[in-house]
Amino acid sequence: MAVTVGLVAQLIEKIAPKSWAEEWDNVGLLVGSGSKTIERILITLDGTLEVVEEAKAFNAQLIVAHHPVIFRPLKNLRADNAAAQVPLRLLQHEIGYYAAHTNLDQSVVSPSRVLGELIGLEKMEPLERVYDVNPTRNSEERGYGVSGYLTRPQKLGVLWQNFLDKLKESGVYSQAYELTGVRLAGSLEREVRKVAIVNGSGGRFVPKALFKGADLLITGDVDHHAVLDALEGGMAVGDLGHFLSEAPMLRSIYDYLSSEKSLQGIEIRVSSVNRSPWL
């Protein structure tokens, strides 16, 4: 049974409206037609050439991704323009590309929430709230990241190791990923009670997490100076890297789309080639 690209877009936008995206972002259907009928969907974080070829081999007519494939302005679609290669290949293979980025970061399938549940946070709330001029039912409590409390204080070293063990074993990821590049800054003996989590590049959230009284911030792509600021403020930092901090979203989107009655009979697969670029 085939459905249209437009229907898939509607289902995603039901939990992550495009209006939630930042002004600088580029979300929605970026390549293809909303009226095209599809039978297979490939889910990915990144729209790389390898992912496009994987979609072709799977006979997928639509890629649902987190990161936009067209982000910075494209000046041309020439064959010698590296930035144009993925859009050109998508058009060549007649594969649509739908991106849900900062809007999805604020949704119920945000990896920040998934990781917060995994680590056992209670009283979770957005770390940075976003308010709507005209609030809707699904905009309640939305925002970037989460903060919450552990049921009891734990030493940083023990908490971090248990967290990494759960990442390896819990199935929060769609498949087994190597936990390469994972870093921790802070005293292993310090006690942690309040935790903040921000998926993706979360260095800019260090001041917010400190203001909220977090003992630990878990994020990705946090730079040297932001870590020093955190430590001087009495907060430890766990850096999962960009990919690992967002990869739980792949399973969340898969579970969400697979549960939709209107998509029963549609083959949905999570990319097996999209992984962290770091060795």
C-alpha atoms as a PDB file:
ATOM      1  CA  MET A   1       0.000   0.000   0.000  1.00  0.00           C
ATOM      2  CA  ALA A   2       1.513   3.304  -1.076  1.00  0.00           C
ATOM      3  CA  VAL A   3       1.090   6.680   0.623  1.00  0.00           C
ATOM      4  CA  THR A   4       2.172  10.151  -0.403  1.00  0.00           C
ATOM      5  CA  VAL A   5       5.217  12.066   0.771  1.00  0.00           C
ATOM      6  CA  GLY A   6       2.799  14.746   1.897  1.00  0.00           C
ATOM      7  CA  LEU A   7       1.118  12.352   4.323  1.00  0.00           C
ATOM      8  CA  VAL A   8       4.459  11.451   5.915  1.00  0.00           C
ATOM      9  CA  ALA A   9       5.228  15.171   6.231  1.00  0.00           C
ATOM     10  CA  GLN A  10       1.889  15.758   7.959  1.00  0.00           C
ATOM     11  CA  LEU A  11       2.569  12.988  10.470  1.00  0.00           C
ATOM     12  CA  ILE A  12       5.985  14.407  11.355  1.00  0.00           C
ATOM     13  CA  GLU A  13       4.667  17.948  11.580  1.00  0.00           C
ATOM     14  CA  LYS A  14       1.925  16.770  13.940  1.00  0.00           C
ATOM     15  CA  ILE A  15       4.605  16.350  16.636  1.00  0.00           C
ATOM     16  CA  ALA A  16       7.168  18.826  15.256  1.00  0.00           C
ATOM     17  CA  PRO A  17       5.470  21.693  13.360  1.00  0.00           C
ATOM     18  CA  LYS A  18       7.693  23.476  10.868  1.00  0.00           C
ATOM     19  CA  SER A  19       6.828  26.757  12.598  1.00  0.00           C
ATOM     20  CA  TRP A  20       8.917  25.600  15.559  1.00  0.00           C
ATOM     21  CA  ALA A  21      12.134  25.639  13.512  1.00  0.00           C
ATOM     22  CA  GLU A  22      14.624  28.459  13.992  1.00  0.00           C
ATOM     23  CA  GLU A  23      14.678  31.186  11.346  1.00  0.00           C
ATOM     24  CA  TRP A  24      18.132  30.132  10.171  1.00  0.00           C
ATOM     25  CA  ASP A  25      17.080  26.492   9.800  1.00  0.00           C
ATOM     26  CA  ASN A  26      15.858  24.736   6.652  1.00  0.00           C
ATOM     27  CA  VAL A  27      13.204  22.107   7.346  1.00  0.00           C
ATOM     28  CA  GLY A  28      10.425  20.336   5.489  1.00  0.00           C
ATOM     29  CA  LEU A  29      10.474  18.706   2.064  1.00  0.00           C
ATOM     30  CA  LEU A  30      13.763  19.874   0.530  1.00  0.00           C
ATOM     31  CA  VAL A  31      13.873  17.588  -2.516  1.00  0.00           C
ATOM     32  CA  GLY A  32      11.000  15.936  -4.343  1.00  0.00           C
ATOM     33  CA  SER A  33       7.227  16.269  -4.563  1.00  0.00           C
ATOM     34  CA  GLY A  34       4.641  16.011  -1.805  1.00  0.00           C
ATOM     35  CA  SER A  35       2.267  14.231  -4.161  1.00  0.00           C
ATOM     36  CA  LYS A  36       4.695  11.399  -4.982  1.00  0.00           C
ATOM     37  CA  THR A  37       3.553   7.987  -3.767  1.00  0.00           C
ATOM     38  CA  ILE A  38       6.035   5.955  -1.754  1.00  0.00           C
ATOM     39  CA  GLU A  39       6.340   2.450  -0.339  1.00  0.00           C
ATOM     40  CA  ARG A  40       9.691   2.633   1.493  1.00  0.00           C
ATOM     41  CA  ILE A  41      11.253   5.186   3.856  1.00  0.00           C
ATOM     42  CA  LEU A  42      14.851   5.421   5.036  1.00  0.00           C
ATOM     43  CA  ILE A  43      15.539   7.291   8.287  1.00  0.00           C
ATOM     44  CA  THR A  44      18.889   8.975   8.911  1.00  0.00           C
ATOM     45  CA  LEU A  45      20.560  11.786  10.809  1.00  0.00           C
ATOM     46  CA  ASP A  46      22.732  12.901   7.905  1.00  0.00           C
ATOM     47  CA  GLY A  47      22.064  12.988   4.194  1.00  0.00           C
ATOM     48  CA  THR A  48      25.392  11.772   2.864  1.00  0.00           C
ATOM     49  CA  LEU A  49      26.135  10.289  -0.550  1.00  0.00           C
ATOM     50  CA  GLU A  50      26.458   6.880   1.120  1.00  0.00           C
ATOM     51  CA  VAL A  51      22.991   7.255   2.616  1.00  0.00           C
ATOM     52  CA  VAL A  52      21.528   8.183  -0.766  1.00  0.00           C
ATOM     53  CA  GLU A  53      23.076   5.075  -2.313  1.00  0.00           C
ATOM     54  CA  GLU A  54      21.718   3.011   0.577  1.00  0.00           C
ATOM     55  CA  ALA A  55      18.251   4.447  -0.089  1.00  0.00           C
ATOM     56  CA  LYS A  56      18.593   3.543  -3.763  1.00  0.00           C
ATOM     57  CA  ALA A  57      19.595  -0.040  -2.917  1.00  0.00           C
ATOM     58  CA  PHE A  58      16.619  -0.277  -0.544  1.00  0.00           C
ATOM     59  CA  ASN A  59      14.364   1.145  -3.274  1.00  0.00           C
ATOM     60  CA  ALA A  60      13.289   3.876  -0.839  1.00  0.00           C
ATOM     61  CA  GLN A  61      11.444   6.773  -2.411  1.00  0.00           C
ATOM     62  CA  LEU A  62      11.858   9.047   0.638  1.00  0.00           C
ATOM     63  CA  ILE A  63      14.612   9.853   3.113  1.00  0.00           C
ATOM     64  CA  VAL A  64      13.510  11.308   6.449  1.00  0.00           C
ATOM     65  CA  ALA A  65      16.486  13.048   8.023  1.00  0.00           C
ATOM     66  CA  HIS A  66      17.367  15.219  10.983  1.00  0.00           C
ATOM     67  CA  HIS A  67      19.974  17.382   9.297  1.00  0.00           C
ATOM     68  CA  PRO A  68      18.985  19.414   6.210  1.00  0.00           C
ATOM     69  CA  VAL A  69      20.703  18.405   2.998  1.00  0.00           C
ATOM     70  CA  ILE A  70      20.479  21.995   1.750  1.00  0.00           C
ATOM     71  CA  PHE A  71      21.576  24.304   4.535  1.00  0.00           C
ATOM     72  CA  ARG A  72      23.903  26.957   3.212  1.00  0.00           C
ATOM     73  CA  PRO A  73      22.811  28.676  -0.016  1.00  0.00           C
ATOM     74  CA  LEU A  74      23.657  26.649  -3.122  1.00  0.00           C
ATOM     75  CA  LYS A  75      25.001  28.850  -5.902  1.00  0.00           C
ATOM     76  CA  ASN A  76      24.754  26.156  -8.545  1.00  0.00           C
ATOM     77  CA  LEU A  77      23.981  22.484  -9.170  1.00  0.00           C
ATOM     78  CA  ARG A  78      27.135  21.770 -11.147  1.00  0.00           C
ATOM     79  CA  ALA A  79      28.720  18.340 -11.140  1.00  0.00           C
ATOM     80  CA  ASP A  80      31.998  19.813  -9.817  1.00  0.00           C
ATOM     81  CA  ASN A  81      30.312  21.489  -6.829  1.00  0.00           C
ATOM     82  CA  ALA A  82      30.807  19.233  -3.779  1.00  0.00           C
ATOM     83  CA  ALA A  83      27.881  20.827  -1.925  1.00  0.00           C
ATOM     84  CA  ALA A  84      25.524  19.991  -4.797  1.00  0.00           C
ATOM     85  CA  GLN A  85      26.351  16.294  -5.062  1.00  0.00           C
ATOM     86  CA  VAL A  86      23.710  14.978  -2.659  1.00  0.00           C
ATOM     87  CA  PRO A  87      20.790  17.011  -4.111  1.00  0.00           C
ATOM     88  CA  LEU A  88      21.887  16.026  -7.619  1.00  0.00           C
ATOM     89  CA  ARG A  89      22.038  12.338  -6.689  1.00  0.00           C
ATOM     90  CA  LEU A  90      18.625  12.531  -4.999  1.00  0.00           C
ATOM     91  CA  LEU A  91      17.115  14.034  -8.129  1.00  0.00           C
ATOM     92  CA  GLN A  92      18.869  11.472 -10.304  1.00  0.00           C
ATOM     93  CA  HIS A  93      17.435   8.584  -8.291  1.00  0.00           C
ATOM     94  CA  GLU A  94      14.053  10.296  -7.792  1.00  0.00           C
ATOM     95  CA  ILE A  95      14.329  10.094  -4.006  1.00  0.00           C
ATOM     96  CA  GLY A  96      12.595  12.701  -1.851  1.00  0.00           C
ATOM     97  CA  TYR A  97      14.303  14.264   1.160  1.00  0.00           C
ATOM     98  CA  TYR A  98      12.430  15.530   4.205  1.00  0.00           C
ATOM     99  CA  ALA A  99      14.288  17.225   7.078  1.00  0.00           C
ATOM    100  CA  ALA A 100      13.054  17.885  10.620  1.00  0.00           C
ATOM    101  CA  HIS A 101      15.780  19.655  12.554  1.00  0.00           C
ATOM    102  CA  THR A 102      15.375  22.301  15.276  1.00  0.00           C
ATOM    103  CA  ASN A 103      11.624  21.686  15.277  1.00  0.00           C
ATOM    104  CA  LEU A 104      12.219  18.015  16.078  1.00  0.00           C
ATOM    105  CA  ASP A 105      14.740  18.949  18.788  1.00  0.00           C
ATOM    106  CA  GLN A 106      11.843  20.515  20.704  1.00  0.00           C
ATOM    107  CA  SER A 107       9.419  17.621  20.191  1.00  0.00           C
ATOM    108  CA  VAL A 108       8.396  14.589  22.213  1.00  0.00           C
ATOM    109  CA  VAL A 109      10.868  12.441  20.253  1.00  0.00           C
ATOM    110  CA  SER A 110      13.822  14.675  21.096  1.00  0.00           C
ATOM    111  CA  PRO A 111      16.876  12.564  21.974  1.00  0.00           C
ATOM    112  CA  SER A 112      17.372  14.795  25.024  1.00  0.00           C
ATOM    113  CA  ARG A 113      14.156  13.349  26.450  1.00  0.00           C
ATOM    114  CA  VAL A 114      15.122   9.815  25.456  1.00  0.00           C
ATOM    115  CA  LEU A 115      18.504  10.134  27.182  1.00  0.00           C
ATOM    116  CA  GLY A 116      16.865  11.740  30.210  1.00  0.00           C
ATOM    117  CA  GLU A 117      14.536   8.768  30.577  1.00  0.00           C
ATOM    118  CA  LEU A 118      17.451   6.380  30.115  1.00  0.00           C
ATOM    119  CA  ILE A 119      19.488   7.971  32.884  1.00  0.00           C
ATOM    120  CA  GLY A 120      16.425   7.945  35.140  1.00  0.00           C
ATOM    121  CA  LEU A 121      15.607  11.633  35.475  1.00  0.00           C
ATOM    122  CA  GLU A 122      12.497  12.667  37.364  1.00  0.00           C
ATOM    123  CA  LYS A 123      10.610  15.974  37.158  1.00  0.00           C
ATOM    124  CA  MET A 124      11.970  16.516  33.643  1.00  0.00           C
ATOM    125  CA  GLU A 125      11.339  19.896  32.054  1.00  0.00           C
ATOM    126  CA  PRO A 126      12.846  21.759  29.102  1.00  0.00           C
ATOM    127  CA  LEU A 127      16.237  23.241  29.867  1.00  0.00           C
ATOM    128  CA  GLU A 128      15.430  26.237  27.677  1.00  0.00           C
ATOM    129  CA  ARG A 129      11.721  26.814  27.181  1.00  0.00           C
ATOM    130  CA  VAL A 130      10.319  28.152  23.942  1.00  0.00           C
ATOM    131  CA  TYR A 131       7.044  30.025  24.111  1.00  0.00           C
ATOM    132  CA  ASP A 132       4.505  30.375  21.314  1.00  0.00           C
ATOM    133  CA  VAL A 133       2.650  33.566  20.539  1.00  0.00           C
ATOM    134  CA  ASN A 134      -0.409  31.410  19.856  1.00  0.00           C
ATOM    135  CA  PRO A 135       0.015  28.294  22.027  1.00  0.00           C
ATOM    136  CA  THR A 136      -1.347  24.987  20.757  1.00  0.00           C
ATOM    137  CA  ARG A 137      -1.931  21.722  22.542  1.00  0.00           C
ATOM    138  CA  ASN A 138       1.320  20.144  21.302  1.00  0.00           C
ATOM    139  CA  SER A 139       3.413  23.205  22.193  1.00  0.00           C
ATOM    140  CA  GLU A 140       3.016  22.736  25.948  1.00  0.00           C
ATOM    141  CA  GLU A 141       6.327  22.324  27.757  1.00  0.00           C
ATOM    142  CA  ARG A 142       8.359  22.490  24.567  1.00  0.00           C
ATOM    143  CA  GLY A 143      11.920  23.702  24.375  1.00  0.00           C
ATOM    144  CA  TYR A 144      15.529  22.658  23.942  1.00  0.00           C
ATOM    145  CA  GLY A 145      17.095  19.992  26.092  1.00  0.00           C
ATOM    146  CA  VAL A 146      15.856  18.709  29.426  1.00  0.00           C
ATOM    147  CA  SER A 147      16.790  19.013  33.067  1.00  0.00           C
ATOM    148  CA  GLY A 148      15.717  16.772  35.905  1.00  0.00           C
ATOM    149  CA  TYR A 149      16.711  14.989  39.065  1.00  0.00           C
ATOM    150  CA  LEU A 150      18.135  11.575  39.810  1.00  0.00           C
ATOM    151  CA  THR A 151      16.167   9.552  42.352  1.00  0.00           C
ATOM    152  CA  ARG A 152      19.225   9.750  44.602  1.00  0.00           C
ATOM    153  CA  PRO A 153      22.636  11.429  44.366  1.00  0.00           C
ATOM    154  CA  GLN A 154      25.325   9.395  42.635  1.00  0.00           C
ATOM    155  CA  LYS A 155      29.054   9.833  42.235  1.00  0.00           C
ATOM    156  CA  LEU A 156      29.911  11.191  38.805  1.00  0.00           C
ATOM    157  CA  GLY A 157      32.226   8.323  37.879  1.00  0.00           C
ATOM    158  CA  VAL A 158      29.642   5.659  38.765  1.00  0.00           C
ATOM    159  CA  LEU A 159      26.783   7.521  37.092  1.00  0.00           C
ATOM    160  CA  TRP A 160      28.740   8.057  33.878  1.00  0.00           C
ATOM    161  CA  GLN A 161      29.870   4.436  33.583  1.00  0.00           C
ATOM    162  CA  ASN A 162      26.338   3.151  34.238  1.00  0.00           C
ATOM    163  CA  PHE A 163      25.014   5.581  31.639  1.00  0.00           C
ATOM    164  CA  LEU A 164      27.485   4.399  28.999  1.00  0.00           C
ATOM    165  CA  ASP A 165      26.686   0.763  29.814  1.00  0.00           C
ATOM    166  CA  LYS A 166      22.997   1.476  29.249  1.00  0.00           C
ATOM    167  CA  LEU A 167      23.771   3.173  25.943  1.00  0.00           C
ATOM    168  CA  LYS A 168      25.505  -0.008  24.818  1.00  0.00           C
ATOM    169  CA  GLU A 169      22.833  -2.411  25.996  1.00  0.00           C
ATOM    170  CA  SER A 170      19.463  -0.703  26.279  1.00  0.00           C
ATOM    171  CA  GLY A 171      18.433  -0.505  22.647  1.00  0.00           C
ATOM    172  CA  VAL A 172      18.045   3.263  22.834  1.00  0.00           C
ATOM    173  CA  TYR A 173      20.081   3.291  19.629  1.00  0.00           C
ATOM    174  CA  SER A 174      18.721   1.619  16.525  1.00  0.00           C
ATOM    175  CA  GLN A 175      21.901  -0.426  16.247  1.00  0.00           C
ATOM    176  CA  ALA A 176      25.246  -0.910  17.980  1.00  0.00           C
ATOM    177  CA  TYR A 177      27.459   2.159  17.634  1.00  0.00           C
ATOM    178  CA  GLU A 178      31.011   2.482  18.879  1.00  0.00           C
ATOM    179  CA  LEU A 179      31.140   5.009  21.721  1.00  0.00           C
ATOM    180  CA  THR A 180      34.136   6.712  20.155  1.00  0.00           C
ATOM    181  CA  GLY A 181      35.146  10.192  21.225  1.00  0.00           C
ATOM    182  CA  VAL A 182      33.058  10.152  24.420  1.00  0.00           C
ATOM    183  CA  ARG A 183      34.593  12.461  27.023  1.00  0.00           C
ATOM    184  CA  LEU A 184      33.952  13.433  30.642  1.00  0.00           C
ATOM    185  CA  ALA A 185      35.197  16.479  32.554  1.00  0.00           C
ATOM    186  CA  GLY A 186      34.851  16.790  36.321  1.00  0.00           C
ATOM    187  CA  SER A 187      35.757  15.075  39.572  1.00  0.00           C
ATOM    188  CA  LEU A 188      34.710  11.423  39.498  1.00  0.00           C
ATOM    189  CA  GLU A 189      33.998  11.570  43.249  1.00  0.00           C
ATOM    190  CA  ARG A 190      31.619  14.528  43.157  1.00  0.00           C
ATOM    191  CA  GLU A 191      27.967  13.808  43.770  1.00  0.00           C
ATOM    192  CA  VAL A 192      25.432  14.448  41.028  1.00  0.00           C
ATOM    193  CA  ARG A 193      21.733  15.011  41.683  1.00  0.00           C
ATOM    194  CA  LYS A 194      20.515  17.373  38.949  1.00  0.00           C
ATOM    195  CA  VAL A 195      21.345  16.622  35.297  1.00  0.00           C
ATOM    196  CA  ALA A 196      20.850  18.691  32.137  1.00  0.00           C
ATOM    197  CA  ILE A 197      20.894  17.074  28.684  1.00  0.00           C
ATOM    198  CA  VAL A 198      21.063  18.798  25.296  1.00  0.00           C
ATOM    199  CA  ASN A 199      21.393  16.803  22.086  1.00  0.00           C
ATOM    200  CA  GLY A 200      23.634  18.079  19.309  1.00  0.00           C
ATOM    201  CA  SER A 201      25.984  21.011  19.774  1.00  0.00           C
ATOM    202  CA  GLY A 202      25.228  22.089  23.332  1.00  0.00           C
ATOM    203  CA  GLY A 203      28.140  24.300  24.308  1.00  0.00           C
ATOM    204  CA  ARG A 204      25.986  27.421  24.288  1.00  0.00           C
ATOM    205  CA  PHE A 205      23.736  25.864  26.936  1.00  0.00           C
ATOM    206  CA  VAL A 206      26.467  25.802  29.602  1.00  0.00           C
ATOM    207  CA  PRO A 207      25.329  29.128  31.158  1.00  0.00           C
ATOM    208  CA  LYS A 208      21.690  27.974  31.154  1.00  0.00           C
ATOM    209  CA  ALA A 209      22.562  24.634  32.790  1.00  0.00           C
ATOM    210  CA  LEU A 210      24.643  26.446  35.429  1.00  0.00           C
ATOM    211  CA  PHE A 211      21.782  28.856  36.076  1.00  0.00           C
ATOM    212  CA  LYS A 212      19.402  25.909  36.525  1.00  0.00           C
ATOM    213  CA  GLY A 213      21.769  24.405  39.109  1.00  0.00           C
ATOM    214  CA  ALA A 214      22.768  21.317  37.133  1.00  0.00           C
ATOM    215  CA  ASP A 215      25.578  19.194  38.542  1.00  0.00           C
ATOM    216  CA  LEU A 216      26.190  17.582  35.141  1.00  0.00           C
ATOM    217  CA  LEU A 217      25.529  18.623  31.548  1.00  0.00           C
ATOM    218  CA  ILE A 218      25.445  15.867  28.924  1.00  0.00           C
ATOM    219  CA  THR A 219      25.690  17.132  25.356  1.00  0.00           C
ATOM    220  CA  GLY A 220      27.822  17.007  22.196  1.00  0.00           C
ATOM    221  CA  ASP A 221      30.400  19.213  20.471  1.00  0.00           C
ATOM    222  CA  VAL A 222      31.211  21.231  23.588  1.00  0.00           C
ATOM    223  CA  ASP A 223      34.407  23.244  23.204  1.00  0.00           C
ATOM    224  CA  HIS A 224      37.396  23.735  25.503  1.00  0.00           C
ATOM    225  CA  HIS A 225      36.403  27.128  26.871  1.00  0.00           C
ATOM    226  CA  ALA A 226      32.801  26.132  27.547  1.00  0.00           C
ATOM    227  CA  VAL A 227      34.037  23.136  29.542  1.00  0.00           C
ATOM    228  CA  LEU A 228      36.328  25.377  31.604  1.00  0.00           C
ATOM    229  CA  ASP A 229      33.402  27.716  32.299  1.00  0.00           C
ATOM    230  CA  ALA A 230      31.310  24.762  33.409  1.00  0.00           C
ATOM    231  CA  LEU A 231      33.989  23.377  35.719  1.00  0.00           C
ATOM    232  CA  GLU A 232      34.620  26.765  37.289  1.00  0.00           C
ATOM    233  CA  GLY A 233      30.882  27.007  37.931  1.00  0.00           C
ATOM    234  CA  GLY A 234      30.895  23.640  39.678  1.00  0.00           C
ATOM    235  CA  MET A 235      29.295  21.612  36.878  1.00  0.00           C
ATOM    236  CA  ALA A 236      30.707  18.480  35.226  1.00  0.00           C
ATOM    237  CA  VAL A 237      30.359  17.944  31.466  1.00  0.00           C
ATOM    238  CA  GLY A 238      29.817  14.732  29.524  1.00  0.00           C
ATOM    239  CA  ASP A 239      30.446  15.036  25.778  1.00  0.00           C
ATOM    240  CA  LEU A 240      28.902  12.238  23.703  1.00  0.00           C
ATOM    241  CA  GLY A 241      29.785  13.890  20.408  1.00  0.00           C
ATOM    242  CA  HIS A 242      27.199  15.197  17.967  1.00  0.00           C
ATOM    243  CA  PHE A 243      26.187  11.889  16.414  1.00  0.00           C
ATOM    244  CA  LEU A 244      25.818   9.809  19.565  1.00  0.00           C
ATOM    245  CA  SER A 245      23.901  12.570  21.339  1.00  0.00           C
ATOM    246  CA  GLU A 246      21.323  12.627  18.535  1.00  0.00           C
ATOM    247  CA  ALA A 247      21.197   9.026  17.310  1.00  0.00           C
ATOM    248  CA  PRO A 248      18.428   8.026  19.780  1.00  0.00           C
ATOM    249  CA  MET A 249      16.154  10.136  17.564  1.00  0.00           C
ATOM    250  CA  LEU A 250      16.493   7.528  14.811  1.00  0.00           C
ATOM    251  CA  ARG A 251      14.755   4.873  16.871  1.00  0.00           C
ATOM    252  CA  SER A 252      12.204   7.383  18.186  1.00  0.00           C
ATOM    253  CA  ILE A 253      11.172   8.447  14.689  1.00  0.00           C
ATOM    254  CA  TYR A 254      11.134   4.832  13.519  1.00  0.00           C
ATOM    255  CA  ASP A 255       8.868   3.817  16.405  1.00  0.00           C
ATOM    256  CA  TYR A 256       6.597   6.813  15.863  1.00  0.00           C
ATOM    257  CA  LEU A 257       6.138   6.323  12.121  1.00  0.00           C
ATOM    258  CA  SER A 258       5.834   2.544  12.420  1.00  0.00           C
ATOM    259  CA  SER A 259       3.008   2.939  14.929  1.00  0.00           C
ATOM    260  CA  GLU A 260       0.921   5.130  12.613  1.00  0.00           C
ATOM    261  CA  LYS A 261      -2.015   3.192  11.167  1.00  0.00           C
ATOM    262  CA  SER A 262      -1.889   5.169   7.932  1.00  0.00           C
ATOM    263  CA  LEU A 263       1.649   3.881   7.295  1.00  0.00           C
ATOM    264  CA  GLN A 264       0.930   0.202   7.878  1.00  0.00           C
ATOM    265  CA  GLY A 265       2.389  -1.719   4.963  1.00  0.00           C
ATOM    266  CA  ILE A 266       5.087   0.900   4.345  1.00  0.00           C
ATOM    267  CA  GLU A 267       8.620  -0.445   4.783  1.00  0.00           C
ATOM    268  CA  ILE A 268      10.618   1.764   7.131  1.00  0.00           C
ATOM    269  CA  ARG A 269      14.305   1.245   7.805  1.00  0.00           C
ATOM    270  CA  VAL A 270      16.987   3.101   9.773  1.00  0.00           C
ATOM    271  CA  SER A 271      20.202   3.776   7.868  1.00  0.00           C
ATOM    272  CA  SER A 272      22.984   1.329   8.640  1.00  0.00           C
ATOM    273  CA  VAL A 273      25.708   3.365   6.929  1.00  0.00           C
ATOM    274  CA  ASN A 274      25.125   6.692   8.697  1.00  0.00           C
ATOM    275  CA  ARG A 275      27.498   6.671  11.643  1.00  0.00           C
ATOM    276  CA  SER A 276      29.780   9.058  13.502  1.00  0.00           C
ATOM    277  CA  PRO A 277      32.504  10.278  11.124  1.00  0.00           C
ATOM    278  CA  TRP A 278      35.134   9.986  13.873  1.00  0.00           C
ATOM    279  CA  LEU A 279      37.320   6.882  13.995  1.00  0.00           C
END
